Amino acid sequence: WYRQGPGKEREWVAGITSGGTTNYQDSVKGRFTISRDKAGNT
């Protein structure tokens, strides 16, 4: 997941791998959670 704020460039927010490892931008840690379905379609 990425985001682009007003007047800013697109920045990375959160990621998840096929193995289930997640990573977050420091500013959203503890607040945001990324998840996916089994196939990665959603």
All heavy atoms as atom14 arrays in JSON, in Angstrom:
{
  "sequence": "WYRQGPGKEREWVAGITSGGTTNYQDSVKGRFTISRDKAGNT",
  "atom14_mask": [
    [1, 1, 1, 1, 1, 1, 1, 1, 1, 1, 1, 1, 1, 1],
    [1, 1, 1, 1, 1, 1, 1, 1, 1, 1, 1, 1, 0, 0],
    [1, 1, 1, 1, 1, 1, 1, 1, 1, 1, 1, 0, 0, 0],
    [1, 1, 1, 1, 1, 1, 1, 1, 1, 0, 0, 0, 0, 0],
    [1, 1, 1, 1, 0, 0, 0, 0, 0, 0, 0, 0, 0, 0],
    [1, 1, 1, 1, 1, 1, 1, 0, 0, 0, 0, 0, 0, 0],
    [1, 1, 1, 1, 0, 0, 0, 0, 0, 0, 0, 0, 0, 0],
    [1, 1, 1, 1, 1, 1, 1, 1, 1, 0, 0, 0, 0, 0],
    [1, 1, 1, 1, 1, 1, 1, 1, 1, 0, 0, 0, 0, 0],
    [1, 1, 1, 1, 1, 1, 1, 1, 1, 1, 1, 0, 0, 0],
    [1, 1, 1, 1, 1, 1, 1, 1, 1, 0, 0, 0, 0, 0],
    [1, 1, 1, 1, 1, 1, 1, 1, 1, 1, 1, 1, 1, 1],
    [1, 1, 1, 1, 1, 1, 1, 0, 0, 0, 0, 0, 0, 0],
    [1, 1, 1, 1, 1, 0, 0, 0, 0, 0, 0, 0, 0, 0],
    [1, 1, 1, 1, 0, 0, 0, 0, 0, 0, 0, 0, 0, 0],
    [1, 1, 1, 1, 1, 1, 1, 1, 0, 0, 0, 0, 0, 0],
    [1, 1, 1, 1, 1, 1, 1, 0, 0, 0, 0, 0, 0, 0],
    [1, 1, 1, 1, 1, 1, 0, 0, 0, 0, 0, 0, 0, 0],
    [1, 1, 1, 1, 0, 0, 0, 0, 0, 0, 0, 0, 0, 0],
    [1, 1, 1, 1, 0, 0, 0, 0, 0, 0, 0, 0, 0, 0],
    [1, 1, 1, 1, 1, 1, 1, 0, 0, 0, 0, 0, 0, 0],
    [1, 1, 1, 1, 1, 1, 1, 0, 0, 0, 0, 0, 0, 0],
    [1, 1, 1, 1, 1, 1, 1, 1, 0, 0, 0, 0, 0, 0],
    [1, 1, 1, 1, 1, 1, 1, 1, 1, 1, 1, 1, 0, 0],
    [1, 1, 1, 1, 1, 1, 1, 1, 1, 0, 0, 0, 0, 0],
    [1, 1, 1, 1, 1, 1, 1, 1, 0, 0, 0, 0, 0, 0],
    [1, 1, 1, 1, 1, 1, 0, 0, 0, 0, 0, 0, 0, 0],
    [1, 1, 1, 1, 1, 1, 1, 0, 0, 0, 0, 0, 0, 0],
    [1, 1, 1, 1, 1, 1, 1, 1, 1, 0, 0, 0, 0, 0],
    [1, 1, 1, 1, 0, 0, 0, 0, 0, 0, 0, 0, 0, 0],
    [1, 1, 1, 1, 1, 1, 1, 1, 1, 1, 1, 0, 0, 0],
    [1, 1, 1, 1, 1, 1, 1, 1, 1, 1, 1, 0, 0, 0],
    [1, 1, 1, 1, 1, 1, 1, 0, 0, 0, 0, 0, 0, 0],
    [1, 1, 1, 1, 1, 1, 1, 1, 0, 0, 0, 0, 0, 0],
    [1, 1, 1, 1, 1, 1, 0, 0, 0, 0, 0, 0, 0, 0],
    [1, 1, 1, 1, 1, 1, 1, 1, 1, 1, 1, 0, 0, 0],
    [1, 1, 1, 1, 1, 1, 1, 1, 0, 0, 0, 0, 0, 0],
    [1, 1, 1, 1, 1, 1, 1, 1, 1, 0, 0, 0, 0, 0],
    [1, 1, 1, 1, 1, 0, 0, 0, 0, 0, 0, 0, 0, 0],
    [1, 1, 1, 1, 0, 0, 0, 0, 0, 0, 0, 0, 0, 0],
    [1, 1, 1, 1, 1, 1, 1, 1, 0, 0, 0, 0, 0, 0],
    [1, 1, 1, 1, 1, 1, 1, 0, 0, 0, 0, 0, 0, 0]
  ],
  "atom14_positions": [
    [[0.85, -1.18, 0.0], [0.0, 0.0, 0.0], [0.89, 1.23, 0.0], [1.91, 1.28, 0.69], [-0.92, 0.03, 1.22], [-2.13, -0.84, 1.09], [-2.31, -2.09, 1.57], [-3.36, -0.49, 0.43], [-3.55, -2.56, 1.26], [-4.23, -1.6, 0.56], [-3.81, 0.64, -0.25], [-5.52, -1.61, 0.02], [-5.09, 0.64, -0.78], [-5.92, -0.48, -0.64]],
    [[0.47, 2.21, -0.76], [1.19, 3.46, -0.89], [0.21, 4.6, -0.73], [-1.0, 4.41, -0.84], [1.88, 3.56, -2.26], [2.82, 2.43, -2.55], [2.35, 1.17, -2.92], [4.2, 2.61, -2.45], [3.21, 0.12, -3.19], [5.07, 1.56, -2.72], [4.57, 0.33, -3.09], [5.44, -0.71, -3.35], [0.0, 0.0, 0.0], [0.0, 0.0, 0.0]],
    [[0.72, 5.78, -0.49], [-0.17, 6.92, -0.41], [0.53, 8.16, -0.93], [1.76, 8.27, -0.91], [-0.65, 7.15, 1.02], [0.44, 7.57, 2.01], [-0.12, 7.6, 3.41], [0.89, 8.0, 4.39], [0.71, 7.95, 5.7], [-0.45, 7.51, 6.21], [1.68, 8.33, 6.52], [0.0, 0.0, 0.0], [0.0, 0.0, 0.0], [0.0, 0.0, 0.0]],
    [[-0.26, 9.08, -1.39], [0.25, 10.35, -1.89], [-0.55, 11.48, -1.27], [-1.72, 11.67, -1.6], [0.17, 10.4, -3.42], [0.77, 11.65, -4.01], [0.87, 11.6, -5.52], [1.57, 12.4, -6.13], [0.19, 10.65, -6.13], [0.0, 0.0, 0.0], [0.0, 0.0, 0.0], [0.0, 0.0, 0.0], [0.0, 0.0, 0.0], [0.0, 0.0, 0.0]],
    [[0.07, 12.19, -0.37], [-0.58, 13.3, 0.28], [-0.56, 14.54, -0.59], [0.13, 14.59, -1.61], [0.0, 0.0, 0.0], [0.0, 0.0, 0.0], [0.0, 0.0, 0.0], [0.0, 0.0, 0.0], [0.0, 0.0, 0.0], [0.0, 0.0, 0.0], [0.0, 0.0, 0.0], [0.0, 0.0, 0.0], [0.0, 0.0, 0.0], [0.0, 0.0, 0.0]],
    [[-1.29, 15.56, -0.2], [-1.35, 16.8, -0.98], [0.04, 17.4, -1.17], [0.76, 17.64, -0.2], [-2.23, 17.71, -0.13], [-3.05, 16.78, 0.7], [-2.14, 15.63, 1.0], [0.0, 0.0, 0.0], [0.0, 0.0, 0.0], [0.0, 0.0, 0.0], [0.0, 0.0, 0.0], [0.0, 0.0, 0.0], [0.0, 0.0, 0.0], [0.0, 0.0, 0.0]],
    [[0.41, 17.64, -2.41], [1.68, 18.25, -2.71], [2.89, 17.36, -2.44], [4.02, 17.85, -2.44], [0.0, 0.0, 0.0], [0.0, 0.0, 0.0], [0.0, 0.0, 0.0], [0.0, 0.0, 0.0], [0.0, 0.0, 0.0], [0.0, 0.0, 0.0], [0.0, 0.0, 0.0], [0.0, 0.0, 0.0], [0.0, 0.0, 0.0], [0.0, 0.0, 0.0]],
    [[2.67, 16.09, -2.23], [3.76, 15.17, -1.95], [3.85, 14.06, -2.99], [2.92, 13.84, -3.76], [3.58, 14.55, -0.56], [3.55, 15.54, 0.58], [3.37, 14.83, 1.91], [3.35, 15.8, 3.07], [3.17, 15.09, 4.36], [0.0, 0.0, 0.0], [0.0, 0.0, 0.0], [0.0, 0.0, 0.0], [0.0, 0.0, 0.0], [0.0, 0.0, 0.0]],
    [[4.99, 13.39, -2.98], [5.16, 12.24, -3.84], [4.57, 11.0, -3.2], [4.36, 10.94, -1.98], [6.64, 12.01, -4.13], [7.28, 13.05, -5.02], [8.05, 12.44, -6.16], [8.84, 11.5, -5.91], [7.87, 12.87, -7.31], [0.0, 0.0, 0.0], [0.0, 0.0, 0.0], [0.0, 0.0, 0.0], [0.0, 0.0, 0.0], [0.0, 0.0, 0.0]],
    [[4.3, 10.02, -4.01], [3.79, 8.76, -3.51], [4.82, 8.11, -2.59], [6.01, 8.08, -2.91], [3.44, 7.84, -4.67], [2.84, 6.5, -4.25], [2.54, 5.64, -5.48], [1.4, 6.15, -6.24], [1.42, 6.39, -7.53], [2.51, 6.19, -8.25], [0.33, 6.84, -8.14], [0.0, 0.0, 0.0], [0.0, 0.0, 0.0], [0.0, 0.0, 0.0]],
    [[4.37, 7.62, -1.45], [5.26, 6.99, -0.51], [4.72, 5.62, -0.11], [3.51, 5.39, -0.08], [5.45, 7.85, 0.74], [4.17, 8.04, 1.55], [4.38, 8.84, 2.81], [5.54, 9.17, 3.14], [3.38, 9.14, 3.49], [0.0, 0.0, 0.0], [0.0, 0.0, 0.0], [0.0, 0.0, 0.0], [0.0, 0.0, 0.0], [0.0, 0.0, 0.0]],
    [[5.62, 4.74, 0.23], [5.26, 3.41, 0.68], [4.71, 3.47, 2.1], [5.22, 4.21, 2.94], [6.49, 2.51, 0.62], [6.29, 1.16, 1.24], [5.68, 0.07, 0.68], [6.73, 0.75, 2.54], [5.7, -0.99, 1.55], [6.35, -0.6, 2.7], [7.42, 1.39, 3.57], [6.63, -1.32, 3.86], [7.7, 0.68, 4.72], [7.31, -0.65, 4.86]],
    [[3.7, 2.68, 2.36], [3.06, 2.67, 3.66], [3.17, 1.31, 4.34], [3.53, 1.22, 5.52], [1.57, 3.05, 3.55], [0.88, 2.92, 4.91], [1.43, 4.48, 3.03], [0.0, 0.0, 0.0], [0.0, 0.0, 0.0], [0.0, 0.0, 0.0], [0.0, 0.0, 0.0], [0.0, 0.0, 0.0], [0.0, 0.0, 0.0], [0.0, 0.0, 0.0]],
    [[2.85, 0.26, 3.62], [2.84, -1.07, 4.21], [3.04, -2.12, 3.14], [2.7, -1.91, 1.97], [1.52, -1.33, 4.94], [0.0, 0.0, 0.0], [0.0, 0.0, 0.0], [0.0, 0.0, 0.0], [0.0, 0.0, 0.0], [0.0, 0.0, 0.0], [0.0, 0.0, 0.0], [0.0, 0.0, 0.0], [0.0, 0.0, 0.0], [0.0, 0.0, 0.0]],
    [[3.58, -3.25, 3.53], [3.79, -4.33, 2.59], [3.59, -5.68, 3.23], [3.75, -5.83, 4.45], [0.0, 0.0, 0.0], [0.0, 0.0, 0.0], [0.0, 0.0, 0.0], [0.0, 0.0, 0.0], [0.0, 0.0, 0.0], [0.0, 0.0, 0.0], [0.0, 0.0, 0.0], [0.0, 0.0, 0.0], [0.0, 0.0, 0.0], [0.0, 0.0, 0.0]],
    [[3.27, -6.65, 2.41], [3.11, -8.02, 2.87], [3.63, -8.94, 1.79], [3.42, -8.72, 0.6], [1.63, -8.33, 3.22], [1.5, -9.73, 3.82], [0.73, -8.17, 2.0], [0.13, -10.01, 4.42], [0.0, 0.0, 0.0], [0.0, 0.0, 0.0], [0.0, 0.0, 0.0], [0.0, 0.0, 0.0], [0.0, 0.0, 0.0], [0.0, 0.0, 0.0]],
    [[4.33, -9.99, 2.2], [4.87, -10.96, 1.26], [3.98, -12.18, 1.18], [3.06, -12.36, 1.98], [6.28, -11.4, 1.68], [6.19, -12.2, 2.87], [7.19, -10.21, 1.93], [0.0, 0.0, 0.0], [0.0, 0.0, 0.0], [0.0, 0.0, 0.0], [0.0, 0.0, 0.0], [0.0, 0.0, 0.0], [0.0, 0.0, 0.0], [0.0, 0.0, 0.0]],
    [[4.27, -13.02, 0.2], [3.51, -14.26, 0.06], [3.7, -15.16, 1.28], [2.85, -16.0, 1.56], [3.94, -15.0, -1.2], [5.32, -15.31, -1.19], [0.0, 0.0, 0.0], [0.0, 0.0, 0.0], [0.0, 0.0, 0.0], [0.0, 0.0, 0.0], [0.0, 0.0, 0.0], [0.0, 0.0, 0.0], [0.0, 0.0, 0.0], [0.0, 0.0, 0.0]],
    [[4.8, -14.98, 1.98], [5.05, -15.74, 3.19], [4.38, -15.17, 4.42], [4.44, -15.77, 5.49], [0.0, 0.0, 0.0], [0.0, 0.0, 0.0], [0.0, 0.0, 0.0], [0.0, 0.0, 0.0], [0.0, 0.0, 0.0], [0.0, 0.0, 0.0], [0.0, 0.0, 0.0], [0.0, 0.0, 0.0], [0.0, 0.0, 0.0], [0.0, 0.0, 0.0]],
    [[3.75, -14.03, 4.27], [3.02, -13.43, 5.37], [3.78, -12.39, 6.17], [3.25, -11.83, 7.13], [0.0, 0.0, 0.0], [0.0, 0.0, 0.0], [0.0, 0.0, 0.0], [0.0, 0.0, 0.0], [0.0, 0.0, 0.0], [0.0, 0.0, 0.0], [0.0, 0.0, 0.0], [0.0, 0.0, 0.0], [0.0, 0.0, 0.0], [0.0, 0.0, 0.0]],
    [[5.01, -12.11, 5.78], [5.78, -11.1, 6.48], [5.22, -9.72, 6.16], [4.97, -9.39, 5.01], [7.26, -11.15, 6.06], [7.79, -12.44, 6.37], [8.07, -10.09, 6.8], [0.0, 0.0, 0.0], [0.0, 0.0, 0.0], [0.0, 0.0, 0.0], [0.0, 0.0, 0.0], [0.0, 0.0, 0.0], [0.0, 0.0, 0.0], [0.0, 0.0, 0.0]],
    [[5.04, -8.92, 7.17], [4.53, -7.57, 6.99], [5.54, -6.53, 7.45], [6.34, -6.78, 8.36], [3.22, -7.36, 7.76], [3.43, -7.61, 9.15], [2.13, -8.3, 7.24], [0.0, 0.0, 0.0], [0.0, 0.0, 0.0], [0.0, 0.0, 0.0], [0.0, 0.0, 0.0], [0.0, 0.0, 0.0], [0.0, 0.0, 0.0], [0.0, 0.0, 0.0]],
    [[5.48, -5.39, 6.82], [6.33, -4.27, 7.2], [5.52, -2.99, 7.05], [4.63, -2.9, 6.2], [7.57, -4.19, 6.32], [8.55, -5.3, 6.59], [8.58, -6.31, 5.89], [9.36, -5.12, 7.64], [0.0, 0.0, 0.0], [0.0, 0.0, 0.0], [0.0, 0.0, 0.0], [0.0, 0.0, 0.0], [0.0, 0.0, 0.0], [0.0, 0.0, 0.0]],
    [[5.86, -2.02, 7.87], [5.12, -0.78, 7.88], [6.03, 0.42, 7.99], [7.1, 0.35, 8.6], [4.14, -0.74, 9.07], [3.15, -1.87, 9.08], [3.43, -3.05, 9.75], [1.94, -1.77, 8.4], [2.52, -4.1, 9.76], [1.03, -2.8, 8.4], [1.33, -3.97, 9.08], [0.42, -5.01, 9.08], [0.0, 0.0, 0.0], [0.0, 0.0, 0.0]],
    [[5.58, 1.5, 7.4], [6.22, 2.77, 7.63], [6.1, 3.07, 9.12], [5.06, 2.8, 9.74], [5.54, 3.85, 6.8], [6.1, 5.24, 6.99], [5.31, 6.26, 6.2], [5.36, 6.3, 4.97], [4.59, 7.11, 6.92], [0.0, 0.0, 0.0], [0.0, 0.0, 0.0], [0.0, 0.0, 0.0], [0.0, 0.0, 0.0], [0.0, 0.0, 0.0]],
    [[7.15, 3.63, 9.7], [7.16, 3.86, 11.14], [5.95, 4.66, 11.63], [5.42, 4.4, 12.71], [8.44, 4.59, 11.56], [9.66, 3.7, 11.53], [9.5, 2.46, 11.5], [10.78, 4.24, 11.55], [0.0, 0.0, 0.0], [0.0, 0.0, 0.0], [0.0, 0.0, 0.0], [0.0, 0.0, 0.0], [0.0, 0.0, 0.0], [0.0, 0.0, 0.0]],
    [[5.52, 5.6, 10.85], [4.43, 6.47, 11.28], [3.09, 5.76, 11.41], [2.17, 6.29, 12.04], [4.29, 7.67, 10.33], [3.85, 7.25, 9.05], [0.0, 0.0, 0.0], [0.0, 0.0, 0.0], [0.0, 0.0, 0.0], [0.0, 0.0, 0.0], [0.0, 0.0, 0.0], [0.0, 0.0, 0.0], [0.0, 0.0, 0.0], [0.0, 0.0, 0.0]],
    [[2.97, 4.58, 10.82], [1.69, 3.87, 10.88], [1.77, 2.59, 11.69], [0.75, 1.91, 11.88], [1.14, 3.55, 9.48], [1.1, 4.81, 8.63], [1.97, 2.47, 8.79], [0.0, 0.0, 0.0], [0.0, 0.0, 0.0], [0.0, 0.0, 0.0], [0.0, 0.0, 0.0], [0.0, 0.0, 0.0], [0.0, 0.0, 0.0], [0.0, 0.0, 0.0]],
    [[2.93, 2.25, 12.19], [3.09, 1.04, 12.99], [2.18, 1.09, 14.21], [2.09, 2.1, 14.9], [4.54, 0.87, 13.43], [5.48, 0.42, 12.34], [6.9, 0.22, 12.86], [7.82, -0.27, 11.78], [9.22, -0.42, 12.25], [0.0, 0.0, 0.0], [0.0, 0.0, 0.0], [0.0, 0.0, 0.0], [0.0, 0.0, 0.0], [0.0, 0.0, 0.0]],
    [[1.52, -0.02, 14.45], [0.61, -0.1, 15.57], [-0.77, 0.42, 15.27], [-1.69, 0.25, 16.08], [0.0, 0.0, 0.0], [0.0, 0.0, 0.0], [0.0, 0.0, 0.0], [0.0, 0.0, 0.0], [0.0, 0.0, 0.0], [0.0, 0.0, 0.0], [0.0, 0.0, 0.0], [0.0, 0.0, 0.0], [0.0, 0.0, 0.0], [0.0, 0.0, 0.0]],
    [[-0.92, 1.07, 14.12], [-2.22, 1.62, 13.75], [-2.8, 0.96, 12.51], [-4.01, 0.78, 12.4], [-2.11, 3.13, 13.52], [-1.62, 3.92, 14.74], [-1.74, 5.43, 14.51], [-0.91, 5.88, 13.39], [-1.39, 6.47, 12.29], [-2.7, 6.67, 12.17], [-0.56, 6.86, 11.34], [0.0, 0.0, 0.0], [0.0, 0.0, 0.0], [0.0, 0.0, 0.0]],
    [[-1.93, 0.63, 11.57], [-2.37, 0.04, 10.31], [-2.01, -1.44, 10.27], [-0.98, -1.86, 10.81], [-1.69, 0.72, 9.12], [-2.14, 2.13, 8.85], [-2.91, 2.84, 9.76], [-1.76, 2.76, 7.67], [-3.31, 4.14, 9.5], [-2.15, 4.05, 7.4], [-2.93, 4.75, 8.31], [0.0, 0.0, 0.0], [0.0, 0.0, 0.0], [0.0, 0.0, 0.0]],
    [[-2.82, -2.21, 9.59], [-2.57, -3.62, 9.41], [-2.86, -4.01, 7.96], [-3.96, -3.76, 7.47], [-3.43, -4.49, 10.34], [-3.19, -4.14, 11.7], [-3.07, -5.97, 10.15], [0.0, 0.0, 0.0], [0.0, 0.0, 0.0], [0.0, 0.0, 0.0], [0.0, 0.0, 0.0], [0.0, 0.0, 0.0], [0.0, 0.0, 0.0], [0.0, 0.0, 0.0]],
    [[-1.88, -4.59, 7.3], [-2.07, -5.04, 5.94], [-2.35, -6.54, 5.96], [-1.77, -7.29, 6.75], [-0.84, -4.72, 5.06], [-1.1, -5.08, 3.6], [0.41, -5.41, 5.59], [0.0, -4.6, 2.64], [0.0, 0.0, 0.0], [0.0, 0.0, 0.0], [0.0, 0.0, 0.0], [0.0, 0.0, 0.0], [0.0, 0.0, 0.0], [0.0, 0.0, 0.0]],
    [[-3.23, -6.97, 5.1], [-3.56, -8.38, 5.0], [-3.95, -8.7, 3.57], [-4.16, -7.81, 2.76], [-4.68, -8.76, 5.97], [-5.86, -8.04, 5.69], [0.0, 0.0, 0.0], [0.0, 0.0, 0.0], [0.0, 0.0, 0.0], [0.0, 0.0, 0.0], [0.0, 0.0, 0.0], [0.0, 0.0, 0.0], [0.0, 0.0, 0.0], [0.0, 0.0, 0.0]],
    [[-4.06, -9.97, 3.27], [-4.42, -10.4, 1.93], [-5.2, -11.7, 1.98], [-5.18, -12.41, 2.99], [-3.17, -10.58, 1.07], [-2.21, -11.64, 1.61], [-1.1, -11.95, 0.64], [-0.13, -12.89, 1.2], [-0.28, -14.21, 1.2], [-1.37, -14.77, 0.66], [0.65, -14.99, 1.73], [0.0, 0.0, 0.0], [0.0, 0.0, 0.0], [0.0, 0.0, 0.0]],
    [[-5.86, -12.02, 0.89], [-6.5, -13.31, 0.79], [-5.47, -14.32, 0.32], [-4.33, -13.98, 0.0], [-7.74, -13.26, -0.12], [-7.41, -12.95, -1.57], [-6.23, -12.88, -1.95], [-8.38, -12.78, -2.34], [0.0, 0.0, 0.0], [0.0, 0.0, 0.0], [0.0, 0.0, 0.0], [0.0, 0.0, 0.0], [0.0, 0.0, 0.0], [0.0, 0.0, 0.0]],
    [[-5.86, -15.56, 0.28], [-4.93, -16.63, -0.03], [-4.28, -16.46, -1.39], [-3.07, -16.69, -1.55], [-5.65, -17.99, 0.04], [-4.74, -19.18, -0.22], [-5.52, -20.48, -0.1], [-4.63, -21.69, -0.36], [-5.39, -22.96, -0.24], [0.0, 0.0, 0.0], [0.0, 0.0, 0.0], [0.0, 0.0, 0.0], [0.0, 0.0, 0.0], [0.0, 0.0, 0.0]],
    [[-5.06, -16.08, -2.37], [-4.56, -15.95, -3.73], [-3.86, -14.62, -4.0], [-3.2, -14.48, -5.03], [-5.71, -16.14, -4.72], [0.0, 0.0, 0.0], [0.0, 0.0, 0.0], [0.0, 0.0, 0.0], [0.0, 0.0, 0.0], [0.0, 0.0, 0.0], [0.0, 0.0, 0.0], [0.0, 0.0, 0.0], [0.0, 0.0, 0.0], [0.0, 0.0, 0.0]],
    [[-4.02, -13.69, -3.11], [-3.44, -12.38, -3.33], [-4.24, -11.52, -4.29], [-3.73, -10.52, -4.79], [0.0, 0.0, 0.0], [0.0, 0.0, 0.0], [0.0, 0.0, 0.0], [0.0, 0.0, 0.0], [0.0, 0.0, 0.0], [0.0, 0.0, 0.0], [0.0, 0.0, 0.0], [0.0, 0.0, 0.0], [0.0, 0.0, 0.0], [0.0, 0.0, 0.0]],
    [[-5.48, -11.92, -4.53], [-6.33, -11.14, -5.41], [-6.89, -9.9, -4.71], [-7.25, -8.93, -5.37], [-7.49, -11.99, -5.93], [-7.03, -13.09, -6.86], [-6.03, -12.93, -7.57], [-7.74, -14.2, -6.86], [0.0, 0.0, 0.0], [0.0, 0.0, 0.0], [0.0, 0.0, 0.0], [0.0, 0.0, 0.0], [0.0, 0.0, 0.0], [0.0, 0.0, 0.0]],
    [[-6.97, -9.99, -3.41], [-7.46, -8.88, -2.62], [-6.5, -8.59, -1.48], [-6.06, -9.51, -0.79], [-8.86, -9.16, -2.05], [-9.76, -9.49, -3.11], [-9.39, -7.94, -1.31], [0.0, 0.0, 0.0], [0.0, 0.0, 0.0], [0.0, 0.0, 0.0], [0.0, 0.0, 0.0], [0.0, 0.0, 0.0], [0.0, 0.0, 0.0], [0.0, 0.0, 0.0]]
  ]
}
